[in-house]
């Protein structure tokens, strides 16, 4: 009886050790290889696509007259100054890791005044959350209005964390810069 008690105690102790050690030797691993999940770069995908992604965007640099709103289907920026400079921008609230990102695609349009003072920018900056359009590492700019289109900004040379900003600028005596942004996507 004594030997049976020792044997049962040994089995019970072994079962407790197995349970608390995660049973790794008895069951196959649950790890899914990265090449199957496609999660090598978890931040790839949309960072703006209507109201779903609004919380990560905040008001950025602003000067002069104008307005800006995050609508349910678009990001709206309007810089409107009858004399001097007006600028409106949105910026990601926190920097985004871009090491594994090759490009940023923005789906947007500018329906403002047809003049050279009407400018639109998407800007990437490592340190300047509330900077002007020309305070950046990389930017893509358009002059004059344009119909809805997809533009691509190459960021493959960047490593680390960066703020992403969208700017509408009117730097003339007349006119407006009015931008509607429909989506911004990070591409691996």
N, C-alpha and C. Protein backbone atom coordinates (compact mmCIF):
# COMPACT_ATOMS: atom_id res chain seq x y z
N UNK A 1 0.81 -1.19 0.00
CA UNK A 1 0.00 0.00 0.00
C UNK A 1 0.86 1.25 0.00
N UNK A 2 1.98 1.17 0.71
CA UNK A 2 2.88 2.30 0.79
C UNK A 2 3.47 2.62 -0.59
N UNK A 3 3.85 1.58 -1.32
CA UNK A 3 4.42 1.78 -2.66
C UNK A 3 3.39 2.34 -3.62
N UNK A 4 2.15 1.89 -3.49
CA UNK A 4 1.07 2.41 -4.35
C UNK A 4 0.84 3.89 -4.07
N UNK A 5 0.90 4.28 -2.82
CA UNK A 5 0.72 5.68 -2.44
C UNK A 5 1.85 6.53 -3.00
N UNK A 6 3.08 6.05 -2.94
CA UNK A 6 4.22 6.77 -3.51
C UNK A 6 4.08 6.87 -5.03
N UNK A 7 3.65 5.79 -5.65
CA UNK A 7 3.47 5.78 -7.10
C UNK A 7 2.42 6.79 -7.54
N UNK A 8 1.28 6.80 -6.84
CA UNK A 8 0.20 7.74 -7.17
C UNK A 8 0.64 9.19 -6.92
N UNK A 9 1.40 9.40 -5.87
CA UNK A 9 1.92 10.75 -5.58
C UNK A 9 2.86 11.21 -6.69
N UNK A 10 3.68 10.30 -7.17
CA UNK A 10 4.61 10.61 -8.26
C UNK A 10 3.85 10.94 -9.55
N UNK A 11 2.81 10.19 -9.86
CA UNK A 11 1.98 10.46 -11.04
C UNK A 11 1.29 11.81 -10.91
N UNK A 12 0.73 12.09 -9.74
CA UNK A 12 0.05 13.36 -9.49
C UNK A 12 1.03 14.53 -9.63
N UNK A 13 2.21 14.40 -9.07
CA UNK A 13 3.24 15.43 -9.18
C UNK A 13 3.64 15.64 -10.64
N UNK A 14 3.77 14.57 -11.39
CA UNK A 14 4.11 14.66 -12.81
C UNK A 14 3.03 15.39 -13.60
N UNK A 15 1.77 15.08 -13.30
CA UNK A 15 0.66 15.76 -13.98
C UNK A 15 0.63 17.25 -13.67
N UNK A 16 0.91 17.61 -12.43
CA UNK A 16 0.95 19.03 -12.05
C UNK A 16 2.07 19.75 -12.80
N UNK A 17 3.22 19.14 -12.88
CA UNK A 17 4.35 19.74 -13.60
C UNK A 17 4.00 19.92 -15.07
N UNK A 18 3.38 18.93 -15.67
CA UNK A 18 3.00 19.01 -17.08
C UNK A 18 2.01 20.15 -17.31
N UNK A 19 1.00 20.26 -16.45
CA UNK A 19 -0.02 21.30 -16.60
C UNK A 19 0.61 22.68 -16.48
N UNK A 20 1.46 22.88 -15.48
CA UNK A 20 2.04 24.20 -15.25
C UNK A 20 3.18 24.53 -16.21
N UNK A 21 3.73 23.57 -16.89
CA UNK A 21 4.79 23.85 -17.84
C UNK A 21 4.24 24.13 -19.24
N UNK A 22 2.94 24.08 -19.39
CA UNK A 22 2.34 24.40 -20.68
C UNK A 22 2.19 23.21 -21.60
N UNK A 23 2.52 22.07 -21.16
CA UNK A 23 2.35 20.85 -21.96
C UNK A 23 3.07 20.94 -23.30
N UNK A 24 4.15 21.67 -23.34
CA UNK A 24 4.79 21.92 -24.62
C UNK A 24 5.36 20.66 -25.26
N UNK A 25 5.74 19.70 -24.46
CA UNK A 25 6.30 18.50 -25.03
C UNK A 25 5.27 17.52 -25.54
N UNK A 26 4.00 17.71 -25.18
CA UNK A 26 2.97 16.76 -25.52
C UNK A 26 2.06 17.19 -26.66
N UNK A 27 2.02 18.50 -26.95
CA UNK A 27 1.14 19.01 -27.99
C UNK A 27 1.93 19.83 -29.01
N UNK A 28 1.51 19.82 -30.26
CA UNK A 28 2.22 20.64 -31.26
C UNK A 28 2.05 22.13 -30.96
N UNK A 29 2.98 22.90 -31.42
CA UNK A 29 2.99 24.35 -31.19
C UNK A 29 1.81 25.02 -31.88
N UNK A 30 1.28 26.08 -31.28
CA UNK A 30 0.21 26.88 -31.88
C UNK A 30 0.76 28.01 -32.75
N UNK A 31 2.07 28.16 -32.79
CA UNK A 31 2.65 29.26 -33.56
C UNK A 31 2.34 29.10 -35.04
N UNK A 32 1.86 30.19 -35.64
CA UNK A 32 1.58 30.22 -37.07
C UNK A 32 2.72 30.98 -37.73
N UNK A 33 3.37 30.40 -38.71
CA UNK A 33 4.49 31.09 -39.36
C UNK A 33 4.03 32.41 -39.96
N UNK A 34 4.94 33.44 -39.91
CA UNK A 34 4.60 34.77 -40.43
C UNK A 34 4.24 34.76 -41.91
N UNK A 35 4.89 33.89 -42.69
CA UNK A 35 4.62 33.89 -44.13
C UNK A 35 3.20 33.41 -44.44
N UNK A 36 2.54 32.75 -43.50
CA UNK A 36 1.17 32.30 -43.71
C UNK A 36 0.19 33.40 -43.32
N UNK A 37 0.48 34.14 -42.24
CA UNK A 37 -0.46 35.14 -41.74
C UNK A 37 -0.36 36.47 -42.47
N UNK A 38 0.76 36.77 -43.07
CA UNK A 38 0.92 38.06 -43.73
C UNK A 38 1.11 39.19 -42.73
N UNK A 39 1.56 38.90 -41.52
CA UNK A 39 1.71 39.92 -40.50
C UNK A 39 3.16 40.32 -40.26
N UNK A 40 3.98 40.26 -41.27
CA UNK A 40 5.35 40.68 -41.12
C UNK A 40 5.41 42.16 -40.82
N UNK A 41 4.42 42.90 -41.30
CA UNK A 41 4.37 44.34 -41.10
C UNK A 41 2.95 44.69 -40.64
N UNK A 42 2.69 44.58 -39.33
CA UNK A 42 1.32 44.72 -38.85
C UNK A 42 0.71 46.10 -39.09
N UNK A 43 1.51 47.13 -39.26
CA UNK A 43 0.95 48.46 -39.48
C UNK A 43 0.57 48.71 -40.94
N UNK A 44 0.86 47.79 -41.84
CA UNK A 44 0.44 47.93 -43.24
C UNK A 44 -1.08 47.92 -43.31
N UNK A 45 -1.61 48.72 -44.19
CA UNK A 45 -3.05 48.81 -44.35
C UNK A 45 -3.50 50.26 -44.22
N UNK A 46 -4.78 50.45 -44.07
CA UNK A 46 -5.34 51.80 -44.02
C UNK A 46 -5.09 52.45 -42.66
N UNK A 47 -4.58 53.68 -42.70
CA UNK A 47 -4.52 54.50 -41.49
C UNK A 47 -5.58 55.60 -41.55
N UNK A 48 -6.19 55.74 -42.70
CA UNK A 48 -7.39 56.58 -42.83
C UNK A 48 -8.26 55.99 -43.93
N UNK A 49 -9.52 55.78 -43.61
CA UNK A 49 -10.47 55.28 -44.60
C UNK A 49 -11.87 55.63 -44.10
N UNK A 50 -12.10 56.93 -43.94
CA UNK A 50 -13.38 57.37 -43.39
C UNK A 50 -13.37 57.37 -41.88
N UNK A 51 -14.53 57.38 -41.28
CA UNK A 51 -14.67 57.61 -39.85
C UNK A 51 -14.07 56.51 -38.97
N UNK A 52 -13.85 55.33 -39.49
CA UNK A 52 -13.30 54.24 -38.69
C UNK A 52 -11.94 54.60 -38.11
N UNK A 53 -11.16 55.37 -38.83
CA UNK A 53 -9.80 55.67 -38.42
C UNK A 53 -9.63 57.10 -37.91
N UNK A 54 -10.71 57.83 -37.68
CA UNK A 54 -10.63 59.21 -37.24
C UNK A 54 -9.87 59.40 -35.93
N UNK A 55 -9.98 58.51 -34.94
CA UNK A 55 -9.31 58.79 -33.66
C UNK A 55 -7.80 58.93 -33.74
N UNK A 56 -7.15 58.37 -34.75
CA UNK A 56 -5.69 58.52 -34.81
C UNK A 56 -5.27 59.83 -35.46
N UNK A 57 -6.21 60.62 -35.97
CA UNK A 57 -5.91 61.90 -36.62
C UNK A 57 -6.34 63.06 -35.74
N UNK A 58 -5.46 64.05 -35.61
CA UNK A 58 -5.74 65.25 -34.82
C UNK A 58 -5.42 66.48 -35.66
N UNK A 59 -5.96 67.62 -35.26
CA UNK A 59 -5.65 68.88 -35.94
C UNK A 59 -4.16 69.15 -35.82
N UNK A 60 -3.56 69.54 -36.95
CA UNK A 60 -2.15 69.86 -36.98
C UNK A 60 -1.93 71.37 -37.06
N UNK A 61 -0.85 71.76 -37.72
CA UNK A 61 -0.49 73.17 -37.86
C UNK A 61 -1.61 73.94 -38.55
N UNK A 62 -1.87 75.15 -38.03
CA UNK A 62 -2.94 75.97 -38.59
C UNK A 62 -2.55 77.44 -38.49
N UNK A 63 -2.79 78.17 -39.58
CA UNK A 63 -2.57 79.61 -39.59
C UNK A 63 -3.57 80.22 -40.57
N UNK A 64 -4.02 81.42 -40.30
CA UNK A 64 -4.95 82.10 -41.21
C UNK A 64 -6.35 81.55 -41.10
N UNK A 65 -7.16 81.91 -42.09
CA UNK A 65 -8.57 81.50 -42.10
C UNK A 65 -8.74 80.12 -42.73
N UNK A 66 -9.86 79.49 -42.43
CA UNK A 66 -10.18 78.20 -43.02
C UNK A 66 -10.94 77.34 -42.04
N UNK A 67 -11.08 76.07 -42.40
CA UNK A 67 -11.80 75.12 -41.56
C UNK A 67 -11.33 73.71 -41.89
N UNK A 68 -11.63 72.78 -41.00
CA UNK A 68 -11.30 71.39 -41.24
C UNK A 68 -12.22 70.51 -40.42
N UNK A 69 -12.61 69.37 -41.03
CA UNK A 69 -13.54 68.45 -40.40
C UNK A 69 -13.18 67.02 -40.78
N UNK A 70 -13.45 66.11 -39.87
CA UNK A 70 -13.35 64.68 -40.17
C UNK A 70 -14.77 64.18 -40.35
N UNK A 71 -15.19 64.09 -41.60
CA UNK A 71 -16.53 63.60 -41.92
C UNK A 71 -16.53 62.08 -41.91
N UNK A 72 -17.70 61.48 -42.05
CA UNK A 72 -17.78 60.02 -42.04
C UNK A 72 -17.15 59.39 -43.27
N UNK A 73 -17.04 60.12 -44.36
CA UNK A 73 -16.47 59.54 -45.59
C UNK A 73 -15.21 60.24 -46.08
N UNK A 74 -14.80 61.35 -45.45
CA UNK A 74 -13.61 62.05 -45.92
C UNK A 74 -13.04 62.96 -44.85
N UNK A 75 -11.78 63.28 -45.05
CA UNK A 75 -11.07 64.26 -44.25
C UNK A 75 -11.10 65.55 -45.07
N UNK A 76 -11.63 66.63 -44.50
CA UNK A 76 -11.84 67.89 -45.23
C UNK A 76 -10.92 68.95 -44.64
N UNK A 77 -10.15 69.62 -45.52
CA UNK A 77 -9.30 70.73 -45.12
C UNK A 77 -9.56 71.89 -46.07
N UNK A 78 -9.77 73.09 -45.52
CA UNK A 78 -10.02 74.28 -46.33
C UNK A 78 -9.17 75.42 -45.78
N UNK A 79 -8.19 75.86 -46.56
CA UNK A 79 -7.37 77.03 -46.23
C UNK A 79 -7.83 78.16 -47.12
N UNK A 80 -8.27 79.26 -46.51
CA UNK A 80 -8.89 80.34 -47.27
C UNK A 80 -8.45 81.68 -46.68
N UNK A 81 -7.59 82.37 -47.37
CA UNK A 81 -7.08 83.65 -46.87
C UNK A 81 -7.17 84.69 -47.98
N UNK A 82 -7.84 85.79 -47.70
CA UNK A 82 -7.98 86.83 -48.73
C UNK A 82 -6.69 87.62 -48.90
N UNK A 83 -5.84 87.65 -47.89
CA UNK A 83 -4.52 88.27 -48.04
C UNK A 83 -3.55 87.56 -47.11
N UNK A 84 -2.46 87.11 -47.63
CA UNK A 84 -1.47 86.41 -46.83
C UNK A 84 -1.54 84.90 -46.98
N UNK A 85 -1.23 84.21 -45.90
CA UNK A 85 -1.10 82.75 -45.95
C UNK A 85 -2.14 82.10 -45.05
N UNK A 86 -2.73 81.02 -45.53
CA UNK A 86 -3.59 80.16 -44.72
C UNK A 86 -3.12 78.73 -44.90
N UNK A 87 -3.12 77.98 -43.81
CA UNK A 87 -2.72 76.58 -43.89
C UNK A 87 -3.53 75.80 -42.86
N UNK A 88 -4.02 74.63 -43.26
CA UNK A 88 -4.73 73.71 -42.38
C UNK A 88 -4.10 72.33 -42.56
N UNK A 89 -4.03 71.57 -41.46
CA UNK A 89 -3.45 70.23 -41.59
C UNK A 89 -4.05 69.28 -40.56
N UNK A 90 -3.99 67.99 -40.90
CA UNK A 90 -4.26 66.90 -39.98
C UNK A 90 -2.97 66.10 -39.85
N UNK A 91 -2.77 65.51 -38.67
CA UNK A 91 -1.56 64.74 -38.39
C UNK A 91 -1.95 63.52 -37.56
N UNK A 92 -1.19 62.43 -37.74
CA UNK A 92 -1.41 61.26 -36.89
C UNK A 92 -1.06 61.64 -35.46
N UNK A 93 -1.88 61.24 -34.51
CA UNK A 93 -1.68 61.62 -33.12
C UNK A 93 -0.36 61.07 -32.56
N UNK A 94 0.03 59.89 -33.02
CA UNK A 94 1.29 59.27 -32.61
C UNK A 94 2.09 58.91 -33.86
N UNK A 95 3.42 58.88 -33.74
CA UNK A 95 4.21 58.46 -34.90
C UNK A 95 3.94 56.99 -35.24
N UNK A 96 4.15 56.66 -36.51
CA UNK A 96 3.89 55.31 -37.01
C UNK A 96 5.20 54.71 -37.49
N UNK A 97 5.45 53.46 -37.13
CA UNK A 97 6.65 52.73 -37.54
C UNK A 97 6.58 52.47 -39.04
N UNK A 98 7.55 53.00 -39.79
CA UNK A 98 7.54 52.87 -41.26
C UNK A 98 8.67 52.00 -41.81
N UNK A 99 9.41 51.31 -40.94
CA UNK A 99 10.57 50.54 -41.41
C UNK A 99 10.19 49.53 -42.49
N UNK A 100 9.10 48.84 -42.35
CA UNK A 100 8.72 47.81 -43.33
C UNK A 100 7.71 48.33 -44.37
N UNK A 101 7.47 49.62 -44.39
CA UNK A 101 6.53 50.22 -45.36
C UNK A 101 7.33 50.75 -46.55
N UNK A 102 6.88 50.43 -47.75
CA UNK A 102 7.54 50.91 -48.96
C UNK A 102 6.91 52.16 -49.54
N UNK A 103 5.60 52.30 -49.38
CA UNK A 103 4.94 53.47 -49.96
C UNK A 103 3.68 53.81 -49.18
N UNK A 104 3.26 55.05 -49.34
CA UNK A 104 2.01 55.55 -48.77
C UNK A 104 1.16 56.01 -49.94
N UNK A 105 -0.07 55.49 -50.02
CA UNK A 105 -0.99 55.86 -51.10
C UNK A 105 -2.11 56.71 -50.53
N UNK A 106 -2.30 57.88 -51.09
CA UNK A 106 -3.37 58.77 -50.65
C UNK A 106 -4.40 58.90 -51.78
N UNK A 107 -5.66 58.71 -51.45
CA UNK A 107 -6.79 58.89 -52.37
C UNK A 107 -7.40 60.24 -52.00
N UNK A 108 -7.26 61.24 -52.88
CA UNK A 108 -7.67 62.59 -52.53
C UNK A 108 -8.03 63.41 -53.75
N UNK A 109 -8.55 64.60 -53.49
CA UNK A 109 -8.84 65.58 -54.53
C UNK A 109 -8.68 66.97 -53.93
N UNK A 110 -8.42 67.94 -54.81
CA UNK A 110 -8.41 69.34 -54.40
C UNK A 110 -9.41 70.06 -55.28
N UNK A 111 -10.46 70.59 -54.66
CA UNK A 111 -11.54 71.25 -55.41
C UNK A 111 -11.52 72.76 -55.18
N UNK A 112 -10.37 73.28 -54.78
CA UNK A 112 -10.23 74.71 -54.49
C UNK A 112 -10.03 75.55 -55.74
N UNK A 113 -9.62 76.77 -55.52
CA UNK A 113 -9.43 77.78 -56.57
C UNK A 113 -8.33 77.36 -57.54
N UNK A 114 -8.53 77.66 -58.82
CA UNK A 114 -7.56 77.29 -59.86
C UNK A 114 -6.46 78.33 -59.95
N UNK A 115 -5.50 78.22 -59.07
CA UNK A 115 -4.36 79.13 -59.06
C UNK A 115 -3.15 78.46 -58.46
N UNK A 116 -1.97 79.06 -58.69
CA UNK A 116 -0.72 78.49 -58.20
C UNK A 116 -0.58 78.61 -56.68
N UNK A 117 -1.42 79.40 -56.05
CA UNK A 117 -1.37 79.54 -54.60
C UNK A 117 -2.10 78.42 -53.89
N UNK A 118 -2.81 77.60 -54.63
CA UNK A 118 -3.56 76.48 -54.09
C UNK A 118 -2.65 75.25 -54.09
N UNK A 119 -2.24 74.81 -52.88
CA UNK A 119 -1.30 73.69 -52.81
C UNK A 119 -1.78 72.62 -51.83
N UNK A 120 -1.43 71.38 -52.13
CA UNK A 120 -1.81 70.21 -51.33
C UNK A 120 -0.56 69.39 -51.07
N UNK A 121 -0.40 68.92 -49.82
CA UNK A 121 0.78 68.13 -49.47
C UNK A 121 0.40 66.96 -48.57
N UNK A 122 1.14 65.85 -48.77
CA UNK A 122 1.20 64.79 -47.76
C UNK A 122 2.66 64.78 -47.31
N UNK A 123 2.87 64.78 -46.00
CA UNK A 123 4.19 65.02 -45.42
C UNK A 123 4.53 63.92 -44.42
N UNK A 124 5.81 63.52 -44.39
CA UNK A 124 6.30 62.53 -43.45
C UNK A 124 7.41 63.20 -42.63
N UNK A 125 7.26 63.20 -41.30
CA UNK A 125 8.24 63.88 -40.44
C UNK A 125 8.53 63.02 -39.21
N UNK A 126 9.82 62.90 -38.89
CA UNK A 126 10.21 62.08 -37.73
C UNK A 126 10.03 62.82 -36.42
N UNK A 127 10.09 64.14 -36.43
CA UNK A 127 10.10 64.86 -35.16
C UNK A 127 9.04 65.95 -35.04
N UNK A 128 8.46 66.38 -36.14
CA UNK A 128 7.58 67.53 -36.11
C UNK A 128 6.11 67.14 -36.25
N UNK A 129 5.43 67.02 -35.12
CA UNK A 129 4.01 66.68 -35.14
C UNK A 129 3.19 67.86 -35.67
N UNK A 130 3.50 69.06 -35.24
CA UNK A 130 2.69 70.23 -35.60
C UNK A 130 3.44 71.18 -36.53
N UNK A 131 4.29 70.63 -37.40
CA UNK A 131 5.08 71.45 -38.30
C UNK A 131 4.31 71.94 -39.51
N UNK A 132 4.91 72.92 -40.19
CA UNK A 132 4.37 73.42 -41.44
C UNK A 132 4.65 72.38 -42.54
N UNK A 133 4.09 72.63 -43.72
CA UNK A 133 4.22 71.67 -44.82
C UNK A 133 5.67 71.44 -45.23
N UNK A 134 6.55 72.43 -45.01
CA UNK A 134 7.94 72.29 -45.45
C UNK A 134 8.87 71.78 -44.35
N UNK A 135 8.33 71.34 -43.22
CA UNK A 135 9.10 70.79 -42.12
C UNK A 135 8.92 69.27 -42.15
N UNK A 136 9.80 68.57 -42.92
CA UNK A 136 9.59 67.14 -43.15
C UNK A 136 10.83 66.44 -43.66
N UNK A 137 10.79 65.12 -43.65
CA UNK A 137 11.82 64.30 -44.29
C UNK A 137 11.47 64.04 -45.75
N UNK A 138 10.21 63.74 -45.99
CA UNK A 138 9.73 63.44 -47.34
C UNK A 138 8.35 64.06 -47.49
N UNK A 139 8.08 64.58 -48.69
CA UNK A 139 6.72 65.10 -48.93
C UNK A 139 6.35 64.90 -50.40
N UNK A 140 5.06 64.96 -50.63
CA UNK A 140 4.53 64.92 -51.99
C UNK A 140 3.56 66.08 -52.09
N UNK A 141 3.76 66.94 -53.08
CA UNK A 141 2.90 68.11 -53.21
C UNK A 141 2.30 68.25 -54.60
N UNK A 142 1.14 68.88 -54.64
CA UNK A 142 0.45 69.19 -55.90
C UNK A 142 0.08 70.66 -55.87
N UNK A 143 0.19 71.32 -57.01
CA UNK A 143 -0.21 72.71 -57.16
C UNK A 143 -1.45 72.76 -58.04
N UNK A 144 -2.39 73.60 -57.67
CA UNK A 144 -3.67 73.79 -58.37
C UNK A 144 -4.64 72.66 -58.02
N UNK A 145 -5.89 72.83 -58.36
CA UNK A 145 -6.87 71.77 -58.06
C UNK A 145 -6.63 70.53 -58.93
N UNK A 146 -7.14 69.41 -58.47
CA UNK A 146 -7.06 68.17 -59.24
C UNK A 146 -8.26 67.31 -58.89
N UNK A 147 -8.67 66.50 -59.84
CA UNK A 147 -9.79 65.59 -59.61
C UNK A 147 -9.33 64.44 -58.74
N UNK A 148 -10.27 63.69 -58.23
CA UNK A 148 -9.95 62.59 -57.33
C UNK A 148 -8.96 61.64 -57.99
N UNK A 149 -7.92 61.29 -57.24
CA UNK A 149 -6.84 60.47 -57.77
C UNK A 149 -6.11 59.79 -56.63
N UNK A 150 -5.32 58.76 -56.97
CA UNK A 150 -4.42 58.10 -56.02
C UNK A 150 -3.01 58.55 -56.32
N UNK A 151 -2.32 59.07 -55.34
CA UNK A 151 -0.92 59.42 -55.46
C UNK A 151 -0.11 58.60 -54.48
N UNK A 152 1.12 58.24 -54.89
CA UNK A 152 1.97 57.37 -54.09
C UNK A 152 3.24 58.09 -53.69
N UNK A 153 3.55 57.99 -52.41
CA UNK A 153 4.77 58.58 -51.85
C UNK A 153 5.70 57.43 -51.46
N UNK A 154 6.91 57.40 -52.04
CA UNK A 154 7.89 56.35 -51.76
C UNK A 154 8.56 56.63 -50.41
N UNK A 155 8.40 55.71 -49.46
CA UNK A 155 9.02 55.86 -48.14
C UNK A 155 9.93 54.67 -47.82
N UNK A 156 10.34 53.94 -48.85
CA UNK A 156 11.12 52.71 -48.64
C UNK A 156 12.48 52.97 -47.99
N UNK A 157 12.99 54.18 -48.07
CA UNK A 157 14.30 54.49 -47.47
C UNK A 157 14.20 54.85 -46.00
N UNK A 158 12.99 54.99 -45.48
CA UNK A 158 12.81 55.41 -44.09
C UNK A 158 12.82 54.23 -43.13
N UNK A 159 13.41 54.44 -41.95
CA UNK A 159 13.34 53.48 -40.86
C UNK A 159 12.98 54.24 -39.59
N UNK A 160 12.15 53.65 -38.79
CA UNK A 160 11.78 54.29 -37.54
C UNK A 160 10.36 54.82 -37.56
N UNK A 161 10.07 55.69 -36.59
CA UNK A 161 8.73 56.23 -36.38
C UNK A 161 8.59 57.62 -36.99
N UNK A 162 7.44 57.85 -37.63
CA UNK A 162 7.20 59.12 -38.32
C UNK A 162 5.74 59.56 -38.16
N UNK A 163 5.56 60.87 -38.08
CA UNK A 163 4.23 61.45 -38.16
C UNK A 163 3.86 61.58 -39.63
N UNK A 164 2.60 61.38 -39.93
CA UNK A 164 2.09 61.56 -41.29
C UNK A 164 1.11 62.71 -41.23
N UNK A 165 1.29 63.69 -42.13
CA UNK A 165 0.45 64.89 -42.12
C UNK A 165 -0.10 65.16 -43.52
N UNK A 166 -1.29 65.78 -43.55
CA UNK A 166 -1.90 66.24 -44.79
C UNK A 166 -2.11 67.75 -44.64
N UNK A 167 -1.69 68.53 -45.64
CA UNK A 167 -1.75 69.99 -45.56
C UNK A 167 -2.50 70.58 -46.76
N UNK A 168 -3.33 71.59 -46.48
CA UNK A 168 -3.94 72.45 -47.50
C UNK A 168 -3.37 73.85 -47.29
N UNK A 169 -2.85 74.46 -48.36
CA UNK A 169 -2.21 75.77 -48.25
C UNK A 169 -2.76 76.72 -49.31
N UNK A 170 -3.11 77.92 -48.86
CA UNK A 170 -3.45 79.03 -49.75
C UNK A 170 -2.50 80.15 -49.37
N UNK A 171 -1.53 80.45 -50.22
CA UNK A 171 -0.56 81.48 -49.88
C UNK A 171 -0.60 82.67 -50.83
N UNK A 172 -1.81 83.02 -51.24
CA UNK A 172 -1.94 84.15 -52.15
C UNK A 172 -2.98 85.14 -51.69
N UNK A 173 -3.31 86.06 -52.57
CA UNK A 173 -4.25 87.12 -52.25
C UNK A 173 -5.70 86.68 -52.44
N UNK A 174 -5.95 85.80 -53.34
CA UNK A 174 -7.30 85.32 -53.58
C UNK A 174 -7.29 83.80 -53.65
N UNK A 175 -8.46 83.22 -53.47
CA UNK A 175 -8.59 81.78 -53.69
C UNK A 175 -8.65 80.98 -52.42
N UNK A 176 -8.74 79.68 -52.61
CA UNK A 176 -8.80 78.71 -51.50
C UNK A 176 -8.09 77.43 -51.91
N UNK A 177 -7.70 76.70 -50.90
CA UNK A 177 -7.22 75.33 -51.10
C UNK A 177 -8.18 74.44 -50.33
N UNK A 178 -8.93 73.61 -51.04
CA UNK A 178 -9.92 72.74 -50.41
C UNK A 178 -9.62 71.30 -50.80
N UNK A 179 -9.24 70.52 -49.80
CA UNK A 179 -8.84 69.12 -50.02
C UNK A 179 -9.85 68.18 -49.36
N UNK A 180 -10.19 67.13 -50.08
CA UNK A 180 -10.95 66.01 -49.52
C UNK A 180 -10.04 64.78 -49.62
N UNK A 181 -9.77 64.16 -48.49
CA UNK A 181 -8.97 62.93 -48.46
C UNK A 181 -9.91 61.78 -48.14
N UNK A 182 -9.89 60.75 -49.01
CA UNK A 182 -10.80 59.61 -48.84
C UNK A 182 -10.13 58.42 -48.18
N UNK A 183 -8.83 58.26 -48.41
CA UNK A 183 -8.11 57.18 -47.73
C UNK A 183 -6.61 57.44 -47.79
N UNK A 184 -5.91 56.87 -46.79
CA UNK A 184 -4.44 56.86 -46.75
C UNK A 184 -4.06 55.44 -46.36
N UNK A 185 -3.24 54.82 -47.19
CA UNK A 185 -2.89 53.42 -46.97
C UNK A 185 -1.39 53.24 -46.95
N UNK A 186 -0.90 52.43 -45.99
CA UNK A 186 0.50 52.05 -45.90
C UNK A 186 0.68 50.72 -46.63
N UNK A 187 1.62 50.70 -47.59
CA UNK A 187 1.84 49.52 -48.43
C UNK A 187 3.21 48.93 -48.12
N UNK A 188 3.24 47.59 -47.88
CA UNK A 188 4.51 46.87 -47.67
C UNK A 188 5.32 46.84 -48.94
